[in-house]
Protein backbone atom coordinates (compact mmCIF):
# COMPACT_ATOMS: atom_id res chain seq x y z
CA UNK A 1 0.01 0.05 0.00
CA UNK A 2 1.40 3.42 -0.96
CA UNK A 3 1.49 6.26 1.49
CA UNK A 4 1.07 9.93 0.80
CA UNK A 5 4.12 11.88 1.95
CA UNK A 6 2.48 15.27 1.43
CA UNK A 7 1.59 17.08 4.65
CA UNK A 8 -1.73 18.85 5.00
CA UNK A 9 -1.58 22.64 5.46
CA UNK A 10 -3.55 24.28 8.24
CA UNK A 11 -6.83 25.86 7.16
CA UNK A 12 -5.66 29.39 7.91
CA UNK A 13 -2.59 29.09 5.53
CA UNK A 14 -4.77 27.63 2.78
CA UNK A 15 -7.27 30.50 3.02
CA UNK A 16 -4.47 33.05 2.88
CA UNK A 17 -3.06 31.45 -0.28
CA UNK A 18 -6.47 31.41 -1.98
CA UNK A 19 -7.10 35.11 -1.25
CA UNK A 20 -3.59 35.96 -2.54
CA UNK A 21 -4.38 34.10 -5.74
CA UNK A 22 -7.57 36.08 -6.23
CA UNK A 23 -5.71 39.42 -6.02
CA UNK A 24 -3.20 38.65 -8.83
CA UNK A 25 -3.58 40.83 -11.96
CA UNK A 26 -4.73 39.28 -15.18
CA UNK A 27 -3.27 40.07 -18.56
CA UNK A 28 -5.14 42.65 -20.67
CA UNK A 29 -7.46 41.30 -23.29
CA UNK A 30 -6.11 41.11 -26.82
CA UNK A 31 -7.39 43.67 -29.41
CA UNK A 32 -10.73 42.60 -30.75
CA UNK A 33 -11.55 42.60 -34.41
CA UNK A 34 -14.42 44.89 -35.58
CA UNK A 35 -17.76 43.16 -36.22
CA UNK A 36 -18.37 42.33 -39.85
CA UNK A 37 -20.71 44.51 -41.90
CA UNK A 38 -24.26 43.41 -40.96
CA UNK A 39 -25.41 43.49 -44.54
CA UNK A 40 -22.97 40.76 -45.50
CA UNK A 41 -24.27 37.24 -44.82
CA UNK A 42 -22.47 33.91 -44.74
CA UNK A 43 -18.76 33.44 -44.11
CA UNK A 44 -16.80 36.50 -43.04
CA UNK A 45 -15.02 38.58 -45.66
CA UNK A 46 -11.23 38.41 -45.71
CA UNK A 47 -9.61 41.76 -44.93
CA UNK A 48 -9.60 44.14 -47.90
CA UNK A 49 -12.03 42.18 -50.03
CA UNK A 50 -15.24 43.71 -51.33
CA UNK A 51 -18.48 41.62 -51.06
CA UNK A 52 -20.37 40.33 -54.17
CA UNK A 53 -24.04 40.86 -54.72
CA UNK A 54 -26.07 37.72 -55.54
CA UNK A 55 -29.69 37.06 -56.17
CA UNK A 56 -30.98 33.74 -54.85
CA UNK A 57 -32.71 31.40 -57.30
CA UNK A 58 -34.13 29.09 -54.57
CA UNK A 59 -34.99 29.22 -50.92
CA UNK A 60 -31.86 29.10 -48.86
CA UNK A 61 -31.04 29.24 -45.17
CA UNK A 62 -27.84 31.11 -44.17
CA UNK A 63 -26.78 31.36 -40.48
CA UNK A 64 -30.31 30.28 -39.41
CA UNK A 65 -32.12 32.90 -41.53
CA UNK A 66 -34.40 31.82 -44.36
CA UNK A 67 -34.08 33.79 -47.60
CA UNK A 68 -36.74 33.42 -50.32
CA UNK A 69 -36.07 33.21 -54.04
CA UNK A 70 -35.15 36.59 -55.46
CA UNK A 71 -33.53 37.88 -52.28
CA UNK A 72 -30.55 40.07 -52.99
CA UNK A 73 -27.61 39.42 -50.62
CA UNK A 74 -24.04 40.63 -50.16
CA UNK A 75 -21.66 37.74 -49.58
CA UNK A 76 -17.94 37.05 -49.83
CA UNK A 77 -16.64 36.31 -53.35
CA UNK A 78 -15.82 32.70 -52.45
CA UNK A 79 -19.24 32.09 -51.03
CA UNK A 80 -20.88 33.71 -54.08
CA UNK A 81 -18.99 31.37 -56.33
CA UNK A 82 -20.15 28.34 -54.28
CA UNK A 83 -23.77 29.57 -54.28
CA UNK A 84 -23.69 29.99 -58.09
CA UNK A 85 -22.05 26.62 -58.60
CA UNK A 86 -24.62 24.81 -56.52
CA UNK A 87 -27.49 26.59 -58.20
CA UNK A 88 -28.66 28.61 -55.21
CA UNK A 89 -27.82 31.97 -56.84
CA UNK A 90 -28.56 33.20 -60.35
CA UNK A 91 -25.71 33.41 -62.81
CA UNK A 92 -24.58 36.94 -63.65
């Protein structure tokens, strides 16, 4: 049978260590990125890229929102290409 060689600290010392740990300063939060343009739906735009306008040919759900046929959306160029390739957006 193995024995534990660690000694137990008195309750007063343990409480003092816990309160000292609560007082320690935390590192500042890293800089946050600005929220994407609310008119752009789907995957986020890469920095410096302009969104493409697409018109949906069929009902489609993006990020939990249903869009009817004929809805005009701003999306990232990559997402626009995928939507057009899969037949969800009209060809320009």
